C-alpha cells in the first residue's frame, strides 16, 4: 500500500464523507482539496468560477494538488482534478488512487445545486456531458474502482480499506 489514498469521482460521489470515515479506520489524516483551495485562496470555488472561469479553477486545483507532500492521509479531490495530467501523476506517485463510481442517476439525485456548487465546467456543458467526459478520465487514472451505488458510505470506506491493503 502506498503512503496515501486519493479518492476521485464526480461531485456527490461521497469522496469527502467516505474519506473522513476511511481516515478514522486507517488512523490517517484527511485532506479535501476543495477546502484546501478555499483556505489557500481565501475564496469559494463558486466565486473563483464566477470571477475567473472554470479553466482558472482547474489551474488553481492543479497548483494546490502538486504542492501536497504528505504521508498517511486520505486525499479527497475535487471532481475536476482528473483534467490535469500533472496533478494526477503527482497523486499517483504519492498515493493509491480510488475511483468511487456512482451512476448518473444517483449523482443527479444527490446534486441539487449544480449551478452553484463550484463545479468546474464550461457554462454550455450539461451535467450529463460533464459526467460522461469525466468517467473516461476517472477510469484512466484509478488504481481501484469501487461501485458507489450499492453500499452506504461506511461500507464503502471498509471496502476501500481492504482493497488498498492488497495493492
C-alpha atoms as a PDB file:
ATOM      1  CA  UNK A   1       0.000   0.000   0.000  1.00  0.00           C
ATOM      2  CA  UNK A   2       1.282   3.483  -0.860  1.00  0.00           C
ATOM      3  CA  UNK A   3       1.524   6.030   1.927  1.00  0.00           C
ATOM      4  CA  UNK A   4      -1.687   7.915   0.963  1.00  0.00           C
ATOM      5  CA  UNK A   5      -5.037   7.130  -0.614  1.00  0.00           C
ATOM      6  CA  UNK A   6      -6.635   9.532  -3.091  1.00  0.00           C
ATOM      7  CA  UNK A   7     -10.371   9.420  -3.750  1.00  0.00           C
ATOM      8  CA  UNK A   8     -11.615  10.612  -7.135  1.00  0.00           C
ATOM      9  CA  UNK A   9     -15.094  10.786  -8.628  1.00  0.00           C
ATOM     10  CA  UNK A  10     -17.956  13.063  -9.502  1.00  0.00           C
ATOM     11  CA  UNK A  11     -19.280  15.719  -7.151  1.00  0.00           C
ATOM     12  CA  UNK A  12     -21.818  13.911  -4.996  1.00  0.00           C
ATOM     13  CA  UNK A  13     -19.990  10.555  -5.133  1.00  0.00           C
ATOM     14  CA  UNK A  14     -19.225  10.837  -1.417  1.00  0.00           C
ATOM     15  CA  UNK A  15     -15.458  11.382  -1.576  1.00  0.00           C
ATOM     16  CA  UNK A  16     -15.295  13.724   1.422  1.00  0.00           C
ATOM     17  CA  UNK A  17     -17.601  11.750   3.698  1.00  0.00           C
ATOM     18  CA  UNK A  18     -16.085   8.393   2.766  1.00  0.00           C
ATOM     19  CA  UNK A  19     -12.635   9.939   3.103  1.00  0.00           C
ATOM     20  CA  UNK A  20     -13.264  11.035   6.684  1.00  0.00           C
ATOM     21  CA  UNK A  21     -14.592   7.594   7.617  1.00  0.00           C
ATOM     22  CA  UNK A  22     -11.663   5.902   5.859  1.00  0.00           C
ATOM     23  CA  UNK A  23      -9.194   8.182   7.674  1.00  0.00           C
ATOM     24  CA  UNK A  24     -10.677   7.064  11.000  1.00  0.00           C
ATOM     25  CA  UNK A  25     -10.492   3.381  10.023  1.00  0.00           C
ATOM     26  CA  UNK A  26      -6.833   3.622   8.958  1.00  0.00           C
ATOM     27  CA  UNK A  27      -5.736   6.233  11.538  1.00  0.00           C
ATOM     28  CA  UNK A  28      -4.806   8.580   8.676  1.00  0.00           C
ATOM     29  CA  UNK A  29      -5.208  12.313   8.266  1.00  0.00           C
ATOM     30  CA  UNK A  30      -7.735  13.755   5.832  1.00  0.00           C
ATOM     31  CA  UNK A  31      -7.386  16.470   3.180  1.00  0.00           C
ATOM     32  CA  UNK A  32     -10.160  17.747   0.907  1.00  0.00           C
ATOM     33  CA  UNK A  33      -8.533  19.605  -1.987  1.00  0.00           C
ATOM     34  CA  UNK A  34     -11.643  21.775  -2.494  1.00  0.00           C
ATOM     35  CA  UNK A  35     -11.310  23.010   1.096  1.00  0.00           C
ATOM     36  CA  UNK A  36      -7.559  23.413   0.607  1.00  0.00           C
ATOM     37  CA  UNK A  37      -8.225  25.685  -2.377  1.00  0.00           C
ATOM     38  CA  UNK A  38     -10.767  27.735  -0.438  1.00  0.00           C
ATOM     39  CA  UNK A  39      -8.394  28.160   2.531  1.00  0.00           C
ATOM     40  CA  UNK A  40      -5.307  28.987   0.476  1.00  0.00           C
ATOM     41  CA  UNK A  41      -7.143  31.278  -1.960  1.00  0.00           C
ATOM     42  CA  UNK A  42      -9.481  32.828   0.642  1.00  0.00           C
ATOM     43  CA  UNK A  43     -12.350  32.390  -1.789  1.00  0.00           C
ATOM     44  CA  UNK A  44     -15.135  29.927  -2.513  1.00  0.00           C
ATOM     45  CA  UNK A  45     -14.933  27.646  -5.532  1.00  0.00           C
ATOM     46  CA  UNK A  46     -18.071  29.248  -6.924  1.00  0.00           C
ATOM     47  CA  UNK A  47     -16.608  32.759  -6.594  1.00  0.00           C
ATOM     48  CA  UNK A  48     -13.464  31.641  -8.409  1.00  0.00           C
ATOM     49  CA  UNK A  49     -15.637  30.154 -11.158  1.00  0.00           C
ATOM     50  CA  UNK A  50     -17.834  33.242 -11.413  1.00  0.00           C
ATOM     51  CA  UNK A  51     -14.951  35.729 -11.457  1.00  0.00           C
ATOM     52  CA  UNK A  52     -12.112  33.862 -13.151  1.00  0.00           C
ATOM     53  CA  UNK A  53     -13.735  30.980 -15.048  1.00  0.00           C
ATOM     54  CA  UNK A  54     -13.586  27.204 -14.927  1.00  0.00           C
ATOM     55  CA  UNK A  55     -10.185  26.930 -16.587  1.00  0.00           C
ATOM     56  CA  UNK A  56      -8.647  29.133 -13.880  1.00  0.00           C
ATOM     57  CA  UNK A  57     -10.244  26.978 -11.181  1.00  0.00           C
ATOM     58  CA  UNK A  58      -8.738  23.881 -12.786  1.00  0.00           C
ATOM     59  CA  UNK A  59      -5.346  25.619 -12.912  1.00  0.00           C
ATOM     60  CA  UNK A  60      -5.589  26.535  -9.218  1.00  0.00           C
ATOM     61  CA  UNK A  61      -6.621  22.976  -8.398  1.00  0.00           C
ATOM     62  CA  UNK A  62      -3.549  21.633 -10.191  1.00  0.00           C
ATOM     63  CA  UNK A  63      -1.277  24.081  -8.329  1.00  0.00           C
ATOM     64  CA  UNK A  64      -2.689  23.082  -4.942  1.00  0.00           C
ATOM     65  CA  UNK A  65      -2.502  19.346  -5.659  1.00  0.00           C
ATOM     66  CA  UNK A  66       1.110  19.359  -6.809  1.00  0.00           C
ATOM     67  CA  UNK A  67       2.090  21.157  -3.569  1.00  0.00           C
ATOM     68  CA  UNK A  68       0.757  18.243  -1.480  1.00  0.00           C
ATOM     69  CA  UNK A  69       3.695  16.488   0.174  1.00  0.00           C
ATOM     70  CA  UNK A  70       2.326  14.317   2.973  1.00  0.00           C
ATOM     71  CA  UNK A  71       2.103  10.733   4.164  1.00  0.00           C
ATOM     72  CA  UNK A  72      -0.642   8.711   5.838  1.00  0.00           C
ATOM     73  CA  UNK A  73      -3.510  10.836   4.536  1.00  0.00           C
ATOM     74  CA  UNK A  74      -6.729  10.324   2.666  1.00  0.00           C
ATOM     75  CA  UNK A  75      -6.951  12.918  -0.106  1.00  0.00           C
ATOM     76  CA  UNK A  76     -10.412  13.732  -1.480  1.00  0.00           C
ATOM     77  CA  UNK A  77     -10.017  15.636  -4.736  1.00  0.00           C
ATOM     78  CA  UNK A  78     -12.363  17.984  -6.470  1.00  0.00           C
ATOM     79  CA  UNK A  79     -14.182  16.265  -9.311  1.00  0.00           C
ATOM     80  CA  UNK A  80     -12.138  18.108 -11.924  1.00  0.00           C
ATOM     81  CA  UNK A  81      -8.671  17.118 -10.665  1.00  0.00           C
ATOM     82  CA  UNK A  82      -8.555  14.482 -13.412  1.00  0.00           C
ATOM     83  CA  UNK A  83      -8.293  17.180 -16.084  1.00  0.00           C
ATOM     84  CA  UNK A  84      -4.688  17.755 -15.009  1.00  0.00           C
ATOM     85  CA  UNK A  85      -2.295  15.022 -16.051  1.00  0.00           C
ATOM     86  CA  UNK A  86       0.405  16.725 -13.968  1.00  0.00           C
ATOM     87  CA  UNK A  87      -1.733  16.680 -10.798  1.00  0.00           C
ATOM     88  CA  UNK A  88      -2.828  13.094 -11.348  1.00  0.00           C
ATOM     89  CA  UNK A  89       0.766  11.927 -11.941  1.00  0.00           C
ATOM     90  CA  UNK A  90       1.745  13.585  -8.662  1.00  0.00           C
ATOM     91  CA  UNK A  91      -1.150  11.900  -6.841  1.00  0.00           C
ATOM     92  CA  UNK A  92      -0.206   8.542  -8.406  1.00  0.00           C
ATOM     93  CA  UNK A  93       3.364   8.990  -7.123  1.00  0.00           C
ATOM     94  CA  UNK A  94       2.260   9.610  -3.532  1.00  0.00           C
ATOM     95  CA  UNK A  95      -0.946   7.564  -3.275  1.00  0.00           C
ATOM     96  CA  UNK A  96      -3.171   4.758  -4.410  1.00  0.00           C
ATOM     97  CA  UNK A  97      -5.997   6.270  -6.452  1.00  0.00           C
ATOM     98  CA  UNK A  98      -9.527   5.014  -5.835  1.00  0.00           C
ATOM     99  CA  UNK A  99     -12.402   5.938  -8.160  1.00  0.00           C
ATOM    100  CA  UNK A 100     -15.765   5.979  -6.391  1.00  0.00           C
ATOM    101  CA  UNK A 101     -18.001   5.183  -9.349  1.00  0.00           C
ATOM    102  CA  UNK A 102     -21.588   6.320  -8.872  1.00  0.00           C
ATOM    103  CA  UNK A 103     -24.020   6.196 -11.781  1.00  0.00           C
ATOM    104  CA  UNK A 104     -25.509   9.342 -13.296  1.00  0.00           C
ATOM    105  CA  UNK A 105     -28.988   8.743 -11.883  1.00  0.00           C
ATOM    106  CA  UNK A 106     -27.667   8.622  -8.307  1.00  0.00           C
ATOM    107  CA  UNK A 107     -25.325  11.587  -8.783  1.00  0.00           C
ATOM    108  CA  UNK A 108     -28.188  13.636 -10.206  1.00  0.00           C
ATOM    109  CA  UNK A 109     -30.343  12.784  -7.172  1.00  0.00           C
ATOM    110  CA  UNK A 110     -27.559  13.875  -4.803  1.00  0.00           C
ATOM    111  CA  UNK A 111     -26.596  17.144  -6.560  1.00  0.00           C
ATOM    112  CA  UNK A 112     -29.354  19.721  -6.309  1.00  0.00           C
ATOM    113  CA  UNK A 113     -27.152  22.788  -6.627  1.00  0.00           C
ATOM    114  CA  UNK A 114     -25.384  22.023  -9.920  1.00  0.00           C
ATOM    115  CA  UNK A 115     -25.276  25.699 -10.899  1.00  0.00           C
ATOM    116  CA  UNK A 116     -23.883  26.990  -7.599  1.00  0.00           C
ATOM    117  CA  UNK A 117     -21.767  24.134  -6.225  1.00  0.00           C
ATOM    118  CA  UNK A 118     -18.471  25.270  -7.703  1.00  0.00           C
ATOM    119  CA  UNK A 119     -18.271  22.575 -10.375  1.00  0.00           C
ATOM    120  CA  UNK A 120     -15.552  23.419 -12.929  1.00  0.00           C
ATOM    121  CA  UNK A 121     -17.236  23.105 -16.309  1.00  0.00           C
ATOM    122  CA  UNK A 122     -17.937  25.034 -19.457  1.00  0.00           C
ATOM    123  CA  UNK A 123     -21.154  27.050 -18.959  1.00  0.00           C
ATOM    124  CA  UNK A 124     -22.712  25.368 -22.009  1.00  0.00           C
ATOM    125  CA  UNK A 125     -21.890  21.854 -20.822  1.00  0.00           C
ATOM    126  CA  UNK A 126     -24.770  19.769 -19.493  1.00  0.00           C
ATOM    127  CA  UNK A 127     -24.365  17.738 -16.330  1.00  0.00           C
ATOM    128  CA  UNK A 128     -24.697  14.523 -18.365  1.00  0.00           C
ATOM    129  CA  UNK A 129     -21.993  15.645 -20.820  1.00  0.00           C
ATOM    130  CA  UNK A 130     -19.720  16.520 -17.899  1.00  0.00           C
ATOM    131  CA  UNK A 131     -20.420  13.149 -16.268  1.00  0.00           C
ATOM    132  CA  UNK A 132     -19.613  11.217 -19.461  1.00  0.00           C
ATOM    133  CA  UNK A 133     -16.442  13.213 -20.115  1.00  0.00           C
ATOM    134  CA  UNK A 134     -15.129  12.682 -16.595  1.00  0.00           C
ATOM    135  CA  UNK A 135     -15.951   8.959 -16.406  1.00  0.00           C
ATOM    136  CA  UNK A 136     -13.282   8.297 -19.020  1.00  0.00           C
ATOM    137  CA  UNK A 137     -10.702  10.256 -17.031  1.00  0.00           C
ATOM    138  CA  UNK A 138     -11.607   8.682 -13.680  1.00  0.00           C
ATOM    139  CA  UNK A 139     -11.153   5.233 -15.192  1.00  0.00           C
ATOM    140  CA  UNK A 140      -7.861   6.273 -16.805  1.00  0.00           C
ATOM    141  CA  UNK A 141      -6.235   7.362 -13.545  1.00  0.00           C
ATOM    142  CA  UNK A 142      -7.663   4.941 -10.971  1.00  0.00           C
ATOM    143  CA  UNK A 143      -5.796   2.031  -9.430  1.00  0.00           C
ATOM    144  CA  UNK A 144      -9.045   0.691  -7.976  1.00  0.00           C
ATOM    145  CA  UNK A 145     -12.671   1.319  -8.956  1.00  0.00           C
ATOM    146  CA  UNK A 146     -15.340   0.944  -6.287  1.00  0.00           C
ATOM    147  CA  UNK A 147     -19.025   0.700  -7.144  1.00  0.00           C
ATOM    148  CA  UNK A 148     -20.504   3.508  -5.069  1.00  0.00           C
ATOM    149  CA  UNK A 149     -24.123   2.633  -5.880  1.00  0.00           C
ATOM    150  CA  UNK A 150     -24.667  -0.466  -3.745  1.00  0.00           C
ATOM    151  CA  UNK A 151     -23.343   0.354  -0.267  1.00  0.00           C
ATOM    152  CA  UNK A 152     -23.587   3.112   2.303  1.00  0.00           C
ATOM    153  CA  UNK A 153     -20.595   5.335   2.992  1.00  0.00           C
ATOM    154  CA  UNK A 154     -19.358   3.341   5.997  1.00  0.00           C
ATOM    155  CA  UNK A 155     -19.445   0.103   3.994  1.00  0.00           C
ATOM    156  CA  UNK A 156     -17.635   1.778   1.091  1.00  0.00           C
ATOM    157  CA  UNK A 157     -14.895   3.003   3.437  1.00  0.00           C
ATOM    158  CA  UNK A 158     -14.453  -0.556   4.763  1.00  0.00           C
ATOM    159  CA  UNK A 159     -14.321  -1.975   1.221  1.00  0.00           C
ATOM    160  CA  UNK A 160     -11.719   0.618   0.181  1.00  0.00           C
ATOM    161  CA  UNK A 161      -9.590  -0.034   3.271  1.00  0.00           C
ATOM    162  CA  UNK A 162      -9.459  -3.745   2.448  1.00  0.00           C
ATOM    163  CA  UNK A 163      -8.765  -3.258  -1.259  1.00  0.00           C
ATOM    164  CA  UNK A 164      -5.929  -0.752  -0.842  1.00  0.00           C
ATOM    165  CA  UNK A 165      -4.159  -3.077   1.581  1.00  0.00           C
ATOM    166  CA  UNK A 166      -3.961  -5.592  -1.290  1.00  0.00           C
ATOM    167  CA  UNK A 167      -2.100  -3.167  -3.570  1.00  0.00           C
END
